[in-house]
């Protein structure tokens, strides 16, 4: 697996900070936006890194719209923003995915 370096982390955080209220992005989408299309899992790992506070990154989900397992606050945070859900664990990605930059 590729090591998470400061440049990678900086690139990921810069994109995540652009996701607007009421929209979500996927790990793979972020990886493509930073020019690392094969590193979706690494994006997820980076966002879960201690010290970066995952509460800031609640607008990032899987390609199927699945929420982060065990993160009980993510769903309510998205619901407050008006994000539509398919079920308790999945946002309706077709209706709320950010088209990106």
N, C-alpha and C. Protein backbone atom coordinates (compact mmCIF):
# COMPACT_ATOMS: atom_id res chain seq x y z
N UNK A 1 0.84 -1.18 0.00
CA UNK A 1 0.00 0.00 0.00
C UNK A 1 0.88 1.24 0.00
N UNK A 2 0.40 2.27 -0.65
CA UNK A 2 1.10 3.53 -0.72
C UNK A 2 1.07 4.24 0.63
N UNK A 3 2.18 4.82 0.99
CA UNK A 3 2.28 5.55 2.26
C UNK A 3 1.52 6.89 2.16
N UNK A 4 0.87 7.27 3.25
CA UNK A 4 0.19 8.56 3.30
C UNK A 4 1.22 9.61 3.68
N UNK A 5 1.56 10.47 2.73
CA UNK A 5 2.50 11.53 3.05
C UNK A 5 1.76 12.86 3.18
N UNK A 6 2.47 13.85 3.62
CA UNK A 6 1.85 15.16 3.86
C UNK A 6 1.27 15.77 2.59
N UNK A 7 1.93 15.60 1.46
CA UNK A 7 1.42 16.15 0.20
C UNK A 7 0.09 15.50 -0.18
N UNK A 8 0.02 14.17 -0.04
CA UNK A 8 -1.22 13.45 -0.33
C UNK A 8 -2.32 13.94 0.60
N UNK A 9 -2.03 14.02 1.88
CA UNK A 9 -3.01 14.46 2.86
C UNK A 9 -3.50 15.87 2.54
N UNK A 10 -2.60 16.74 2.21
CA UNK A 10 -2.93 18.12 1.86
C UNK A 10 -3.86 18.15 0.64
N UNK A 11 -3.54 17.38 -0.39
CA UNK A 11 -4.37 17.32 -1.59
C UNK A 11 -5.78 16.82 -1.28
N UNK A 12 -5.87 15.77 -0.48
CA UNK A 12 -7.17 15.21 -0.09
C UNK A 12 -7.99 16.24 0.67
N UNK A 13 -7.39 16.85 1.67
CA UNK A 13 -8.11 17.81 2.50
C UNK A 13 -8.56 19.04 1.71
N UNK A 14 -7.74 19.46 0.76
CA UNK A 14 -8.13 20.60 -0.08
C UNK A 14 -9.40 20.30 -0.88
N UNK A 15 -9.52 19.09 -1.40
CA UNK A 15 -10.72 18.72 -2.16
C UNK A 15 -11.91 18.57 -1.22
N UNK A 16 -11.72 17.88 -0.11
CA UNK A 16 -12.81 17.66 0.83
C UNK A 16 -13.38 18.98 1.33
N UNK A 17 -12.53 19.94 1.54
CA UNK A 17 -12.99 21.26 2.01
C UNK A 17 -13.87 21.97 0.99
N UNK A 18 -13.82 21.54 -0.26
CA UNK A 18 -14.63 22.17 -1.32
C UNK A 18 -16.03 21.57 -1.46
N UNK A 19 -16.27 20.41 -0.86
CA UNK A 19 -17.58 19.75 -1.00
C UNK A 19 -18.63 20.66 -0.36
N UNK A 20 -19.60 21.10 -1.16
CA UNK A 20 -20.57 22.06 -0.62
C UNK A 20 -21.64 21.42 0.28
N UNK A 21 -22.24 22.26 1.08
CA UNK A 21 -23.36 21.88 1.93
C UNK A 21 -24.42 21.20 1.08
N UNK A 22 -24.95 20.07 1.57
CA UNK A 22 -26.00 19.37 0.86
C UNK A 22 -25.53 18.44 -0.25
N UNK A 23 -24.22 18.22 -0.34
CA UNK A 23 -23.65 17.32 -1.35
C UNK A 23 -22.67 16.37 -0.68
N UNK A 24 -22.41 15.24 -1.34
CA UNK A 24 -21.40 14.30 -0.88
C UNK A 24 -20.46 13.99 -2.04
N UNK A 25 -19.29 13.48 -1.70
CA UNK A 25 -18.33 13.00 -2.69
C UNK A 25 -17.91 11.60 -2.25
N UNK A 26 -17.36 10.86 -3.18
CA UNK A 26 -16.89 9.50 -2.86
C UNK A 26 -15.37 9.49 -2.72
N UNK A 27 -14.88 8.46 -2.06
CA UNK A 27 -13.43 8.31 -1.91
C UNK A 27 -12.76 8.23 -3.27
N UNK A 28 -13.36 7.47 -4.18
CA UNK A 28 -12.80 7.34 -5.52
C UNK A 28 -12.81 8.64 -6.29
N UNK A 29 -13.86 9.39 -6.14
CA UNK A 29 -13.97 10.69 -6.80
C UNK A 29 -12.85 11.62 -6.32
N UNK A 30 -12.61 11.64 -5.03
CA UNK A 30 -11.54 12.47 -4.48
C UNK A 30 -10.19 12.00 -5.00
N UNK A 31 -9.99 10.70 -5.04
CA UNK A 31 -8.73 10.15 -5.56
C UNK A 31 -8.51 10.59 -7.01
N UNK A 32 -9.55 10.54 -7.82
CA UNK A 32 -9.42 10.97 -9.22
C UNK A 32 -9.10 12.46 -9.31
N UNK A 33 -9.75 13.24 -8.47
CA UNK A 33 -9.55 14.70 -8.50
C UNK A 33 -8.12 15.12 -8.13
N UNK A 34 -7.46 14.31 -7.33
CA UNK A 34 -6.08 14.65 -6.96
C UNK A 34 -5.06 13.94 -7.85
N UNK A 35 -5.56 13.29 -8.91
CA UNK A 35 -4.66 12.63 -9.84
C UNK A 35 -4.14 11.29 -9.38
N UNK A 36 -4.85 10.65 -8.45
CA UNK A 36 -4.45 9.34 -7.92
C UNK A 36 -5.63 8.38 -8.00
N UNK A 37 -6.14 8.09 -9.22
CA UNK A 37 -7.38 7.34 -9.38
C UNK A 37 -7.39 5.94 -8.77
N UNK A 38 -6.26 5.38 -8.50
CA UNK A 38 -6.20 4.03 -7.94
C UNK A 38 -6.10 4.02 -6.42
N UNK A 39 -6.23 5.18 -5.80
CA UNK A 39 -6.00 5.28 -4.36
C UNK A 39 -7.22 5.68 -3.55
N UNK A 40 -8.40 5.19 -3.93
CA UNK A 40 -9.63 5.49 -3.18
C UNK A 40 -9.53 5.00 -1.74
N UNK A 41 -9.02 3.82 -1.54
CA UNK A 41 -8.89 3.28 -0.18
C UNK A 41 -7.92 4.11 0.65
N UNK A 42 -6.89 4.60 0.01
CA UNK A 42 -5.92 5.43 0.71
C UNK A 42 -6.55 6.76 1.13
N UNK A 43 -7.45 7.28 0.31
CA UNK A 43 -8.19 8.49 0.69
C UNK A 43 -8.98 8.22 1.96
N UNK A 44 -9.68 7.09 2.01
CA UNK A 44 -10.44 6.73 3.20
C UNK A 44 -9.55 6.58 4.41
N UNK A 45 -8.42 5.95 4.22
CA UNK A 45 -7.48 5.76 5.31
C UNK A 45 -6.95 7.11 5.80
N UNK A 46 -6.67 8.00 4.87
CA UNK A 46 -6.17 9.33 5.24
C UNK A 46 -7.20 10.10 6.05
N UNK A 47 -8.45 10.03 5.64
CA UNK A 47 -9.49 10.78 6.35
C UNK A 47 -9.77 10.21 7.73
N UNK A 48 -9.45 8.96 7.95
CA UNK A 48 -9.64 8.35 9.25
C UNK A 48 -8.44 8.45 10.16
N UNK A 49 -7.38 9.09 9.66
CA UNK A 49 -6.14 9.22 10.42
C UNK A 49 -6.34 10.05 11.69
N UNK A 50 -5.82 9.59 12.81
CA UNK A 50 -5.94 10.36 14.05
C UNK A 50 -5.34 11.76 13.88
N UNK A 51 -5.97 12.70 14.51
CA UNK A 51 -5.47 14.06 14.45
C UNK A 51 -6.13 14.92 13.39
N UNK A 52 -6.89 14.30 12.49
CA UNK A 52 -7.55 15.08 11.44
C UNK A 52 -9.04 15.24 11.71
N UNK A 53 -9.55 14.60 12.72
CA UNK A 53 -10.94 14.78 13.13
C UNK A 53 -11.95 14.47 12.05
N UNK A 54 -12.36 13.21 11.97
CA UNK A 54 -13.25 12.80 10.88
C UNK A 54 -14.59 13.52 10.88
N UNK A 55 -14.95 14.18 11.96
CA UNK A 55 -16.21 14.93 11.97
C UNK A 55 -16.21 16.02 10.90
N UNK A 56 -15.06 16.45 10.46
CA UNK A 56 -14.98 17.47 9.42
C UNK A 56 -15.25 16.89 8.03
N UNK A 57 -15.22 15.59 7.91
CA UNK A 57 -15.29 14.95 6.59
C UNK A 57 -16.53 14.09 6.45
N UNK A 58 -17.61 14.51 7.03
CA UNK A 58 -18.84 13.72 7.00
C UNK A 58 -19.46 13.66 5.61
N UNK A 59 -19.04 14.49 4.69
CA UNK A 59 -19.61 14.50 3.34
C UNK A 59 -18.92 13.52 2.38
N UNK A 60 -18.11 12.62 2.90
CA UNK A 60 -17.43 11.64 2.06
C UNK A 60 -17.99 10.25 2.36
N UNK A 61 -18.42 9.55 1.29
CA UNK A 61 -19.04 8.22 1.40
C UNK A 61 -18.44 7.30 0.35
N UNK A 62 -18.84 6.04 0.37
CA UNK A 62 -18.36 5.10 -0.65
C UNK A 62 -19.09 5.34 -1.97
N UNK A 63 -18.65 4.66 -3.02
CA UNK A 63 -19.27 4.80 -4.34
C UNK A 63 -20.74 4.38 -4.35
N UNK A 64 -21.13 3.54 -3.41
CA UNK A 64 -22.54 3.12 -3.31
C UNK A 64 -23.34 4.01 -2.37
N UNK A 65 -22.67 5.00 -1.78
CA UNK A 65 -23.34 5.89 -0.85
C UNK A 65 -23.33 5.43 0.59
N UNK A 66 -22.58 4.36 0.87
CA UNK A 66 -22.53 3.82 2.23
C UNK A 66 -21.80 4.77 3.17
N UNK A 67 -22.37 4.92 4.36
CA UNK A 67 -21.75 5.72 5.40
C UNK A 67 -20.60 4.96 6.05
N UNK A 68 -19.79 5.66 6.81
CA UNK A 68 -18.68 5.02 7.51
C UNK A 68 -19.24 4.13 8.62
N UNK A 69 -18.94 2.83 8.59
CA UNK A 69 -19.45 1.92 9.63
C UNK A 69 -18.97 2.36 11.02
N UNK A 70 -19.89 2.39 11.97
CA UNK A 70 -19.54 2.73 13.33
C UNK A 70 -19.51 4.21 13.65
N UNK A 71 -19.63 5.05 12.64
CA UNK A 71 -19.62 6.50 12.88
C UNK A 71 -21.08 6.95 12.97
N UNK A 72 -21.62 6.91 14.17
CA UNK A 72 -23.05 7.14 14.38
C UNK A 72 -23.49 8.58 14.11
N UNK A 73 -22.57 9.52 14.14
CA UNK A 73 -22.93 10.92 13.90
C UNK A 73 -22.99 11.31 12.43
N UNK A 74 -22.40 10.52 11.55
CA UNK A 74 -22.34 10.91 10.14
C UNK A 74 -23.73 11.04 9.52
N UNK A 75 -24.59 10.06 9.71
CA UNK A 75 -25.93 10.11 9.13
C UNK A 75 -26.72 11.33 9.59
N UNK A 76 -26.80 11.57 10.90
CA UNK A 76 -27.51 12.76 11.36
C UNK A 76 -26.92 14.08 10.84
N UNK A 77 -25.60 14.14 10.73
CA UNK A 77 -24.97 15.35 10.20
C UNK A 77 -25.39 15.59 8.76
N UNK A 78 -25.45 14.52 7.98
CA UNK A 78 -25.86 14.65 6.57
C UNK A 78 -27.35 14.96 6.47
N UNK A 79 -28.14 14.34 7.32
CA UNK A 79 -29.59 14.58 7.31
C UNK A 79 -29.91 16.05 7.57
N UNK A 80 -29.18 16.67 8.49
CA UNK A 80 -29.39 18.08 8.80
C UNK A 80 -29.15 18.95 7.56
N UNK A 81 -28.24 18.50 6.70
CA UNK A 81 -27.93 19.24 5.48
C UNK A 81 -28.93 18.96 4.35
N UNK A 82 -29.88 18.06 4.60
CA UNK A 82 -30.88 17.75 3.59
C UNK A 82 -30.46 16.67 2.61
N UNK A 83 -29.44 15.90 2.96
CA UNK A 83 -28.98 14.81 2.09
C UNK A 83 -30.05 13.72 2.08
N UNK A 84 -30.48 13.26 0.88
CA UNK A 84 -31.47 12.18 0.81
C UNK A 84 -30.83 10.81 1.07
N UNK A 85 -31.57 9.94 1.75
CA UNK A 85 -31.08 8.60 2.07
C UNK A 85 -31.90 7.53 1.35
N UNK A 86 -31.23 6.43 0.97
CA UNK A 86 -31.93 5.26 0.44
C UNK A 86 -32.37 4.36 1.58
N UNK A 87 -31.52 4.27 2.60
CA UNK A 87 -31.82 3.51 3.81
C UNK A 87 -30.96 4.09 4.92
N UNK A 88 -30.97 3.49 6.08
CA UNK A 88 -30.26 4.06 7.24
C UNK A 88 -28.75 4.15 7.05
N UNK A 89 -28.20 3.33 6.16
CA UNK A 89 -26.74 3.29 5.99
C UNK A 89 -26.24 3.81 4.66
N UNK A 90 -27.15 4.27 3.80
CA UNK A 90 -26.75 4.72 2.45
C UNK A 90 -27.45 6.01 2.06
N UNK A 91 -26.64 6.98 1.60
CA UNK A 91 -27.24 8.17 1.01
C UNK A 91 -27.66 7.83 -0.42
N UNK A 92 -28.57 8.61 -0.96
CA UNK A 92 -28.97 8.43 -2.36
C UNK A 92 -27.95 9.17 -3.22
N UNK A 93 -26.89 8.47 -3.56
CA UNK A 93 -25.74 9.06 -4.24
C UNK A 93 -26.13 9.72 -5.57
N UNK A 94 -27.10 9.16 -6.26
CA UNK A 94 -27.53 9.75 -7.54
C UNK A 94 -28.11 11.15 -7.37
N UNK A 95 -28.72 11.38 -6.25
CA UNK A 95 -29.39 12.67 -6.03
C UNK A 95 -28.53 13.72 -5.33
N UNK A 96 -27.43 13.28 -4.71
CA UNK A 96 -26.69 14.26 -3.91
C UNK A 96 -25.18 14.29 -4.17
N UNK A 97 -24.70 13.54 -5.17
CA UNK A 97 -23.26 13.55 -5.41
C UNK A 97 -22.81 14.88 -6.00
N UNK A 98 -21.80 15.42 -5.42
CA UNK A 98 -21.17 16.65 -5.90
C UNK A 98 -20.48 16.35 -7.22
N UNK A 99 -20.72 17.16 -8.26
CA UNK A 99 -20.08 16.89 -9.54
C UNK A 99 -18.57 17.16 -9.52
N UNK A 100 -18.12 17.88 -8.52
CA UNK A 100 -16.69 18.12 -8.39
C UNK A 100 -16.22 19.35 -9.13
N UNK A 101 -14.91 19.43 -9.22
CA UNK A 101 -14.31 20.61 -9.86
C UNK A 101 -13.80 20.27 -11.24
